[in-house]
Amino acid sequence: MTSELMARIAALLGPSGLVTEPASMAPYLEEERGLFHGNAPVVARPATVAELAEVVALCAQQGIGVVPQGGNTGLCGGASPDGQILVSL
C-alpha cells in the first residue's frame, strides 16, 4: 500500500476512520476464538456507503485487495485479511 493511497483514504475517512496503530488494529485481526490471525496494513472504517464505495474504488485503482468485515464473529476465518486492507463495516 502506497503512502499516497493511505493519505487519500485518511483524508476521505477522517482521523477516526483509518486505524493504523497495531494495538488498535489487533481486535480486527484476530477471529473470535483466536484460531485465525490476519495481517493488514490498515483498517478502514467508513461511516457511510459513499465512503465505502470510494475506499473500494481507490483500492481497485491501485490493485489493492479489500477484505470486508462485519462483526468479526465468523468462525471460518473468511474475514481475516492476508495483507489486504481490512474494511470494517
PDB file of N, CA and C in Angstrom:
ATOM      1  N   MET A   1       0.854  -1.173   0.000  1.00  0.00           N
ATOM      2  CA  MET A   1       0.000   0.000   0.000  1.00  0.00           C
ATOM      3  C   MET A   1       0.897   1.233   0.000  1.00  0.00           C
ATOM      4  N   THR A   2       0.639   2.127  -0.922  1.00  0.00           N
ATOM      5  CA  THR A   2       1.475   3.324  -1.023  1.00  0.00           C
ATOM      6  C   THR A   2       1.065   4.361   0.018  1.00  0.00           C
ATOM      7  N   SER A   3       1.992   5.237   0.338  1.00  0.00           N
ATOM      8  CA  SER A   3       1.680   6.308   1.281  1.00  0.00           C
ATOM      9  C   SER A   3       0.649   7.261   0.679  1.00  0.00           C
ATOM     10  N   GLU A   4       0.662   7.402  -0.660  1.00  0.00           N
ATOM     11  CA  GLU A   4      -0.326   8.254  -1.324  1.00  0.00           C
ATOM     12  C   GLU A   4      -1.738   7.697  -1.142  1.00  0.00           C
ATOM     13  N   LEU A   5      -1.889   6.385  -1.307  1.00  0.00           N
ATOM     14  CA  LEU A   5      -3.201   5.765  -1.119  1.00  0.00           C
ATOM     15  C   LEU A   5      -3.655   5.910   0.325  1.00  0.00           C
ATOM     16  N   MET A   6      -2.749   5.679   1.272  1.00  0.00           N
ATOM     17  CA  MET A   6      -3.099   5.809   2.682  1.00  0.00           C
ATOM     18  C   MET A   6      -3.528   7.243   2.987  1.00  0.00           C
ATOM     19  N   ALA A   7      -2.837   8.220   2.429  1.00  0.00           N
ATOM     20  CA  ALA A   7      -3.182   9.625   2.657  1.00  0.00           C
ATOM     21  C   ALA A   7      -4.551   9.954   2.071  1.00  0.00           C
ATOM     22  N   ARG A   8      -4.848   9.411   0.897  1.00  0.00           N
ATOM     23  CA  ARG A   8      -6.154   9.668   0.272  1.00  0.00           C
ATOM     24  C   ARG A   8      -7.285   9.048   1.095  1.00  0.00           C
ATOM     25  N   ILE A   9      -7.074   7.836   1.588  1.00  0.00           N
ATOM     26  CA  ILE A   9      -8.095   7.193   2.414  1.00  0.00           C
ATOM     27  C   ILE A   9      -8.249   7.930   3.732  1.00  0.00           C
ATOM     28  N   ALA A  10      -7.149   8.343   4.326  1.00  0.00           N
ATOM     29  CA  ALA A  10      -7.206   9.087   5.591  1.00  0.00           C
ATOM     30  C   ALA A  10      -7.956  10.398   5.410  1.00  0.00           C
ATOM     31  N   ALA A  11      -7.701  11.090   4.304  1.00  0.00           N
ATOM     32  CA  ALA A  11      -8.399  12.353   4.044  1.00  0.00           C
ATOM     33  C   ALA A  11      -9.893  12.116   3.841  1.00  0.00           C
ATOM     34  N   LEU A  12     -10.238  11.022   3.203  1.00  0.00           N
ATOM     35  CA  LEU A  12     -11.632  10.689   2.954  1.00  0.00           C
ATOM     36  C   LEU A  12     -12.368  10.318   4.238  1.00  0.00           C
ATOM     37  N   LEU A  13     -11.743   9.502   5.080  1.00  0.00           N
ATOM     38  CA  LEU A  13     -12.419   8.953   6.258  1.00  0.00           C
ATOM     39  C   LEU A  13     -12.258   9.782   7.527  1.00  0.00           C
ATOM     40  N   GLY A  14     -11.305  10.681   7.543  1.00  0.00           N
ATOM     41  CA  GLY A  14     -11.083  11.485   8.737  1.00  0.00           C
ATOM     42  C   GLY A  14     -10.238  10.747   9.762  1.00  0.00           C
ATOM     43  N   PRO A  15      -9.927  11.415  10.874  1.00  0.00           N
ATOM     44  CA  PRO A  15      -8.985  10.867  11.850  1.00  0.00           C
ATOM     45  C   PRO A  15      -9.434   9.563  12.519  1.00  0.00           C
ATOM     46  N   SER A  16     -10.719   9.351  12.676  1.00  0.00           N
ATOM     47  CA  SER A  16     -11.168   8.117  13.333  1.00  0.00           C
ATOM     48  C   SER A  16     -11.511   7.022  12.332  1.00  0.00           C
ATOM     49  N   GLY A  17     -11.398   7.318  11.043  1.00  0.00           N
ATOM     50  CA  GLY A  17     -11.802   6.354  10.030  1.00  0.00           C
ATOM     51  C   GLY A  17     -10.712   5.450   9.516  1.00  0.00           C
ATOM     52  N   LEU A  18      -9.470   5.712   9.897  1.00  0.00           N
ATOM     53  CA  LEU A  18      -8.361   4.882   9.438  1.00  0.00           C
ATOM     54  C   LEU A  18      -7.529   4.480  10.651  1.00  0.00           C
ATOM     55  N   VAL A  19      -7.491   3.199  10.930  1.00  0.00           N
ATOM     56  CA  VAL A  19      -6.759   2.671  12.085  1.00  0.00           C
ATOM     57  C   VAL A  19      -5.418   2.141  11.590  1.00  0.00           C
ATOM     58  N   THR A  20      -4.340   2.649  12.177  1.00  0.00           N
ATOM     59  CA  THR A  20      -3.001   2.237  11.759  1.00  0.00           C
ATOM     60  C   THR A  20      -2.143   1.716  12.909  1.00  0.00           C
ATOM     61  N   GLU A  21      -2.528   2.015  14.126  1.00  0.00           N
ATOM     62  CA  GLU A  21      -1.754   1.574  15.288  1.00  0.00           C
ATOM     63  C   GLU A  21      -1.967   0.077  15.521  1.00  0.00           C
ATOM     64  N   PRO A  22      -0.894  -0.698  15.647  1.00  0.00           N
ATOM     65  CA  PRO A  22      -1.034  -2.149  15.814  1.00  0.00           C
ATOM     66  C   PRO A  22      -1.949  -2.563  16.972  1.00  0.00           C
ATOM     67  N   ALA A  23      -1.852  -1.890  18.101  1.00  0.00           N
ATOM     68  CA  ALA A  23      -2.697  -2.259  19.243  1.00  0.00           C
ATOM     69  C   ALA A  23      -4.176  -2.016  18.951  1.00  0.00           C
ATOM     70  N   SER A  24      -4.470  -0.958  18.235  1.00  0.00           N
ATOM     71  CA  SER A  24      -5.862  -0.654  17.885  1.00  0.00           C
ATOM     72  C   SER A  24      -6.376  -1.571  16.781  1.00  0.00           C
ATOM     73  N   MET A  25      -5.479  -2.057  15.942  1.00  0.00           N
ATOM     74  CA  MET A  25      -5.863  -2.960  14.856  1.00  0.00           C
ATOM     75  C   MET A  25      -6.065  -4.394  15.351  1.00  0.00           C
ATOM     76  N   ALA A  26      -5.424  -4.765  16.434  1.00  0.00           N
ATOM     77  CA  ALA A  26      -5.413  -6.154  16.907  1.00  0.00           C
ATOM     78  C   ALA A  26      -6.795  -6.797  17.006  1.00  0.00           C
ATOM     79  N   PRO A  27      -7.802  -6.136  17.570  1.00  0.00           N
ATOM     80  CA  PRO A  27      -9.111  -6.794  17.674  1.00  0.00           C
ATOM     81  C   PRO A  27      -9.733  -7.126  16.320  1.00  0.00           C
ATOM     82  N   TYR A  28      -9.384  -6.379  15.296  1.00  0.00           N
ATOM     83  CA  TYR A  28      -9.913  -6.628  13.956  1.00  0.00           C
ATOM     84  C   TYR A  28      -9.205  -7.802  13.275  1.00  0.00           C
ATOM     85  N   LEU A  29      -8.007  -8.106  13.724  1.00  0.00           N
ATOM     86  CA  LEU A  29      -7.170  -9.075  13.035  1.00  0.00           C
ATOM     87  C   LEU A  29      -7.197 -10.468  13.640  1.00  0.00           C
ATOM     88  N   GLU A  30      -7.899 -10.640  14.751  1.00  0.00           N
ATOM     89  CA  GLU A  30      -7.997 -11.960  15.367  1.00  0.00           C
ATOM     90  C   GLU A  30      -9.444 -12.406  15.420  1.00  0.00           C
ATOM     91  N   GLU A  31      -9.680 -13.600  14.943  1.00  0.00           N
ATOM     92  CA  GLU A  31     -11.014 -14.196  14.949  1.00  0.00           C
ATOM     93  C   GLU A  31     -11.443 -14.479  16.389  1.00  0.00           C
ATOM     94  N   GLU A  32     -12.723 -14.516  16.616  1.00  0.00           N
ATOM     95  CA  GLU A  32     -13.316 -14.612  17.957  1.00  0.00           C
ATOM     96  C   GLU A  32     -12.706 -15.707  18.827  1.00  0.00           C
ATOM     97  N   ARG A  33     -12.415 -16.866  18.259  1.00  0.00           N
ATOM     98  CA  ARG A  33     -11.865 -17.978  19.039  1.00  0.00           C
ATOM     99  C   ARG A  33     -10.351 -17.941  19.132  1.00  0.00           C
ATOM    100  N   GLY A  34      -9.720 -17.034  18.393  1.00  0.00           N
ATOM    101  CA  GLY A  34      -8.271 -16.955  18.396  1.00  0.00           C
ATOM    102  C   GLY A  34      -7.600 -17.961  17.475  1.00  0.00           C
ATOM    103  N   LEU A  35      -8.368 -18.603  16.602  1.00  0.00           N
ATOM    104  CA  LEU A  35      -7.806 -19.610  15.704  1.00  0.00           C
ATOM    105  C   LEU A  35      -7.230 -19.008  14.426  1.00  0.00           C
ATOM    106  N   PHE A  36      -7.741 -17.857  14.012  1.00  0.00           N
ATOM    107  CA  PHE A  36      -7.288 -17.217  12.787  1.00  0.00           C
ATOM    108  C   PHE A  36      -6.744 -15.830  13.112  1.00  0.00           C
ATOM    109  N   HIS A  37      -5.548 -15.555  12.623  1.00  0.00           N
ATOM    110  CA  HIS A  37      -4.897 -14.268  12.842  1.00  0.00           C
ATOM    111  C   HIS A  37      -4.561 -13.671  11.477  1.00  0.00           C
ATOM    112  N   GLY A  38      -5.055 -12.487  11.227  1.00  0.00           N
ATOM    113  CA  GLY A  38      -4.798 -11.837   9.946  1.00  0.00           C
ATOM    114  C   GLY A  38      -3.734 -10.766  10.065  1.00  0.00           C
ATOM    115  N   ASN A  39      -3.384 -10.212   8.922  1.00  0.00           N
ATOM    116  CA  ASN A  39      -2.489  -9.054   8.906  1.00  0.00           C
ATOM    117  C   ASN A  39      -2.976  -8.115   7.819  1.00  0.00           C
ATOM    118  N   ALA A  40      -2.929  -6.843   8.121  1.00  0.00           N
ATOM    119  CA  ALA A  40      -3.383  -5.808   7.198  1.00  0.00           C
ATOM    120  C   ALA A  40      -2.550  -4.555   7.436  1.00  0.00           C
ATOM    121  N   PRO A  41      -2.315  -3.784   6.378  1.00  0.00           N
ATOM    122  CA  PRO A  41      -1.559  -2.539   6.585  1.00  0.00           C
ATOM    123  C   PRO A  41      -2.365  -1.503   7.350  1.00  0.00           C
ATOM    124  N   VAL A  42      -3.692  -1.521   7.166  1.00  0.00           N
ATOM    125  CA  VAL A  42      -4.583  -0.575   7.842  1.00  0.00           C
ATOM    126  C   VAL A  42      -5.968  -1.193   7.974  1.00  0.00           C
ATOM    127  N   VAL A  43      -6.761  -0.605   8.862  1.00  0.00           N
ATOM    128  CA  VAL A  43      -8.180  -0.930   8.973  1.00  0.00           C
ATOM    129  C   VAL A  43      -8.947   0.337   8.620  1.00  0.00           C
ATOM    130  N   ALA A  44      -9.752   0.251   7.589  1.00  0.00           N
ATOM    131  CA  ALA A  44     -10.580   1.387   7.179  1.00  0.00           C
ATOM    132  C   ALA A  44     -11.962   1.225   7.803  1.00  0.00           C
ATOM    133  N   ARG A  45     -12.488   2.322   8.355  1.00  0.00           N
ATOM    134  CA  ARG A  45     -13.809   2.300   8.987  1.00  0.00           C
ATOM    135  C   ARG A  45     -14.685   3.394   8.375  1.00  0.00           C
ATOM    136  N   PRO A  46     -15.201   3.141   7.166  1.00  0.00           N
ATOM    137  CA  PRO A  46     -16.056   4.153   6.538  1.00  0.00           C
ATOM    138  C   PRO A  46     -17.352   4.328   7.327  1.00  0.00           C
ATOM    139  N   ALA A  47     -17.838   5.563   7.366  1.00  0.00           N
ATOM    140  CA  ALA A  47     -19.058   5.872   8.122  1.00  0.00           C
ATOM    141  C   ALA A  47     -20.299   5.865   7.247  1.00  0.00           C
ATOM    142  N   THR A  48     -20.118   5.910   5.930  1.00  0.00           N
ATOM    143  CA  THR A  48     -21.266   5.954   5.021  1.00  0.00           C
ATOM    144  C   THR A  48     -21.024   5.013   3.843  1.00  0.00           C
ATOM    145  N   VAL A  49     -22.100   4.727   3.130  1.00  0.00           N
ATOM    146  CA  VAL A  49     -21.985   3.904   1.927  1.00  0.00           C
ATOM    147  C   VAL A  49     -21.110   4.601   0.890  1.00  0.00           C
ATOM    148  N   ALA A  50     -21.227   5.910   0.784  1.00  0.00           N
ATOM    149  CA  ALA A  50     -20.416   6.663  -0.170  1.00  0.00           C
ATOM    150  C   ALA A  50     -18.927   6.547   0.165  1.00  0.00           C
ATOM    151  N   GLU A  51     -18.580   6.632   1.447  1.00  0.00           N
ATOM    152  CA  GLU A  51     -17.178   6.463   1.853  1.00  0.00           C
ATOM    153  C   GLU A  51     -16.690   5.056   1.534  1.00  0.00           C
ATOM    154  N   LEU A  52     -17.524   4.066   1.797  1.00  0.00           N
ATOM    155  CA  LEU A  52     -17.160   2.689   1.491  1.00  0.00           C
ATOM    156  C   LEU A  52     -16.891   2.527  -0.002  1.00  0.00           C
ATOM    157  N   ALA A  53     -17.785   3.046  -0.818  1.00  0.00           N
ATOM    158  CA  ALA A  53     -17.627   2.940  -2.269  1.00  0.00           C
ATOM    159  C   ALA A  53     -16.341   3.612  -2.733  1.00  0.00           C
ATOM    160  N   GLU A  54     -16.010   4.746  -2.158  1.00  0.00           N
ATOM    161  CA  GLU A  54     -14.791   5.464  -2.544  1.00  0.00           C
ATOM    162  C   GLU A  54     -13.539   4.700  -2.106  1.00  0.00           C
ATOM    163  N   VAL A  55     -13.551   4.116  -0.907  1.00  0.00           N
ATOM    164  CA  VAL A  55     -12.407   3.316  -0.450  1.00  0.00           C
ATOM    165  C   VAL A  55     -12.189   2.137  -1.396  1.00  0.00           C
ATOM    166  N   VAL A  56     -13.265   1.445  -1.736  1.00  0.00           N
ATOM    167  CA  VAL A  56     -13.149   0.300  -2.647  1.00  0.00           C
ATOM    168  C   VAL A  56     -12.637   0.747  -4.010  1.00  0.00           C
ATOM    169  N   ALA A  57     -13.140   1.877  -4.512  1.00  0.00           N
ATOM    170  CA  ALA A  57     -12.689   2.386  -5.814  1.00  0.00           C
ATOM    171  C   ALA A  57     -11.212   2.758  -5.776  1.00  0.00           C
ATOM    172  N   LEU A  58     -10.781   3.433  -4.716  1.00  0.00           N
ATOM    173  CA  LEU A  58      -9.370   3.812  -4.600  1.00  0.00           C
ATOM    174  C   LEU A  58      -8.476   2.576  -4.563  1.00  0.00           C
ATOM    175  N   CYS A  59      -8.886   1.565  -3.814  1.00  0.00           N
ATOM    176  CA  CYS A  59      -8.098   0.339  -3.721  1.00  0.00           C
ATOM    177  C   CYS A  59      -8.076  -0.392  -5.064  1.00  0.00           C
ATOM    178  N   ALA A  60      -9.208  -0.428  -5.747  1.00  0.00           N
ATOM    179  CA  ALA A  60      -9.270  -1.087  -7.056  1.00  0.00           C
ATOM    180  C   ALA A  60      -8.343  -0.412  -8.058  1.00  0.00           C
ATOM    181  N   GLN A  61      -8.283   0.915  -8.022  1.00  0.00           N
ATOM    182  CA  GLN A  61      -7.406   1.650  -8.930  1.00  0.00           C
ATOM    183  C   GLN A  61      -5.939   1.279  -8.721  1.00  0.00           C
ATOM    184  N   GLN A  62      -5.587   0.949  -7.478  1.00  0.00           N
ATOM    185  CA  GLN A  62      -4.200   0.625  -7.138  1.00  0.00           C
ATOM    186  C   GLN A  62      -3.924  -0.883  -7.154  1.00  0.00           C
ATOM    187  N   GLY A  63      -4.974  -1.686  -7.395  1.00  0.00           N
ATOM    188  CA  GLY A  63      -4.809  -3.135  -7.384  1.00  0.00           C
ATOM    189  C   GLY A  63      -4.619  -3.708  -5.997  1.00  0.00           C
ATOM    190  N   ILE A  64      -5.154  -3.023  -5.000  1.00  0.00           N
ATOM    191  CA  ILE A  64      -5.044  -3.442  -3.605  1.00  0.00           C
ATOM    192  C   ILE A  64      -6.315  -4.186  -3.213  1.00  0.00           C
ATOM    193  N   GLY A  65      -6.164  -5.364  -2.632  1.00  0.00           N
ATOM    194  CA  GLY A  65      -7.305  -6.150  -2.200  1.00  0.00           C
ATOM    195  C   GLY A  65      -7.963  -5.564  -0.963  1.00  0.00           C
ATOM    196  N   VAL A  66      -9.254  -5.848  -0.842  1.00  0.00           N
ATOM    197  CA  VAL A  66     -10.055  -5.375   0.291  1.00  0.00           C
ATOM    198  C   VAL A  66     -10.769  -6.580   0.914  1.00  0.00           C
ATOM    199  N   VAL A  67     -10.687  -6.703   2.222  1.00  0.00           N
ATOM    200  CA  VAL A  67     -11.419  -7.744   2.937  1.00  0.00           C
ATOM    201  C   VAL A  67     -12.486  -7.061   3.781  1.00  0.00           C
ATOM    202  N   PRO A  68     -13.777  -7.298   3.470  1.00  0.00           N
ATOM    203  CA  PRO A  68     -14.833  -6.716   4.290  1.00  0.00           C
ATOM    204  C   PRO A  68     -15.007  -7.520   5.573  1.00  0.00           C
ATOM    205  N   GLN A  69     -15.304  -6.821   6.641  1.00  0.00           N
ATOM    206  CA  GLN A  69     -15.506  -7.494   7.923  1.00  0.00           C
ATOM    207  C   GLN A  69     -16.720  -6.896   8.599  1.00  0.00           C
ATOM    208  N   GLY A  70     -17.693  -7.757   8.933  1.00  0.00           N
ATOM    209  CA  GLY A  70     -18.897  -7.302   9.631  1.00  0.00           C
ATOM    210  C   GLY A  70     -18.596  -7.165  11.110  1.00  0.00           C
ATOM    211  N   GLY A  71     -19.011  -8.119  11.894  1.00  0.00           N
ATOM    212  CA  GLY A  71     -18.775  -8.065  13.335  1.00  0.00           C
ATOM    213  C   GLY A  71     -17.572  -8.866  13.773  1.00  0.00           C
ATOM    214  N   ASN A  72     -16.859  -9.472  12.812  1.00  0.00           N
ATOM    215  CA  ASN A  72     -15.716 -10.335  13.107  1.00  0.00           C
ATOM    216  C   ASN A  72     -16.124 -11.498  14.004  1.00  0.00           C
ATOM    217  N   THR A  73     -17.325 -12.011  13.774  1.00  0.00           N
ATOM    218  CA  THR A  73     -17.822 -13.124  14.585  1.00  0.00           C
ATOM    219  C   THR A  73     -17.879 -14.434  13.810  1.00  0.00           C
ATOM    220  N   GLY A  74     -17.427 -14.423  12.544  1.00  0.00           N
ATOM    221  CA  GLY A  74     -17.422 -15.649  11.761  1.00  0.00           C
ATOM    222  C   GLY A  74     -16.448 -16.659  12.334  1.00  0.00           C
ATOM    223  N   LEU A  75     -16.691 -17.919  12.066  1.00  0.00           N
ATOM    224  CA  LEU A  75     -15.856 -18.965  12.641  1.00  0.00           C
ATOM    225  C   LEU A  75     -15.028 -19.711  11.599  1.00  0.00           C
ATOM    226  N   CYS A  76     -14.962 -19.188  10.369  1.00  0.00           N
ATOM    227  CA  CYS A  76     -14.211 -19.894   9.322  1.00  0.00           C
ATOM    228  C   CYS A  76     -12.989 -19.116   8.856  1.00  0.00           C
ATOM    229  N   GLY A  77     -12.721 -17.951   9.414  1.00  0.00           N
ATOM    230  CA  GLY A  77     -11.541 -17.178   9.057  1.00  0.00           C
ATOM    231  C   GLY A  77     -11.684 -16.352   7.794  1.00  0.00           C
ATOM    232  N   GLY A  78     -12.881 -16.273   7.230  1.00  0.00           N
ATOM    233  CA  GLY A  78     -13.086 -15.543   5.987  1.00  0.00           C
ATOM    234  C   GLY A  78     -12.903 -14.042   6.101  1.00  0.00           C
ATOM    235  N   ALA A  79     -12.973 -13.504   7.297  1.00  0.00           N
ATOM    236  CA  ALA A  79     -12.812 -12.064   7.486  1.00  0.00           C
ATOM    237  C   ALA A  79     -11.414 -11.709   7.982  1.00  0.00           C
ATOM    238  N   SER A  80     -10.522 -12.670   7.930  1.00  0.00           N
ATOM    239  CA  SER A  80      -9.136 -12.427   8.347  1.00  0.00           C
ATOM    240  C   SER A  80      -8.294 -12.067   7.129  1.00  0.00           C
ATOM    241  N   PRO A  81      -7.805 -10.845   7.051  1.00  0.00           N
ATOM    242  CA  PRO A  81      -7.037 -10.432   5.873  1.00  0.00           C
ATOM    243  C   PRO A  81      -5.649 -11.068   5.843  1.00  0.00           C
ATOM    244  N   ASP A  82      -5.090 -11.147   4.661  1.00  0.00           N
ATOM    245  CA  ASP A  82      -3.736 -11.645   4.480  1.00  0.00           C
ATOM    246  C   ASP A  82      -2.973 -10.627   3.641  1.00  0.00           C
ATOM    247  N   GLY A  83      -2.801  -9.422   4.209  1.00  0.00           N
ATOM    248  CA  GLY A  83      -2.078  -8.372   3.536  1.00  0.00           C
ATOM    249  C   GLY A  83      -2.959  -7.352   2.840  1.00  0.00           C
ATOM    250  N   GLN A  84      -4.246  -7.620   2.718  1.00  0.00           N
ATOM    251  CA  GLN A  84      -5.164  -6.681   2.101  1.00  0.00           C
ATOM    252  C   GLN A  84      -5.616  -5.635   3.123  1.00  0.00           C
ATOM    253  N   ILE A  85      -6.283  -4.599   2.642  1.00  0.00           N
ATOM    254  CA  ILE A  85      -6.874  -3.608   3.533  1.00  0.00           C
ATOM    255  C   ILE A  85      -8.135  -4.227   4.132  1.00  0.00           C
ATOM    256  N   LEU A  86      -8.280  -4.116   5.425  1.00  0.00           N
ATOM    257  CA  LEU A  86      -9.480  -4.601   6.079  1.00  0.00           C
ATOM    258  C   LEU A  86     -10.463  -3.441   6.171  1.00  0.00           C
ATOM    259  N   VAL A  87     -11.690  -3.661   5.721  1.00  0.00           N
ATOM    260  CA  VAL A  87     -12.720  -2.635   5.802  1.00  0.00           C
ATOM    261  C   VAL A  87     -13.773  -3.093   6.799  1.00  0.00           C
ATOM    262  N   SER A  88     -13.858  -2.394   7.900  1.00  0.00           N
ATOM    263  CA  SER A  88     -14.838  -2.709   8.927  1.00  0.00           C
ATOM    264  C   SER A  88     -16.172  -2.103   8.538  1.00  0.00           C
ATOM    265  N   LEU A  89     -17.173  -2.965   8.416  1.00  0.00           N
ATOM    266  CA  LEU A  89     -18.492  -2.498   8.017  1.00  0.00           C
ATOM    267  C   LEU A  89     -19.355  -2.215   9.225  1.00  0.00           C
TER     268      LEU A  89
END
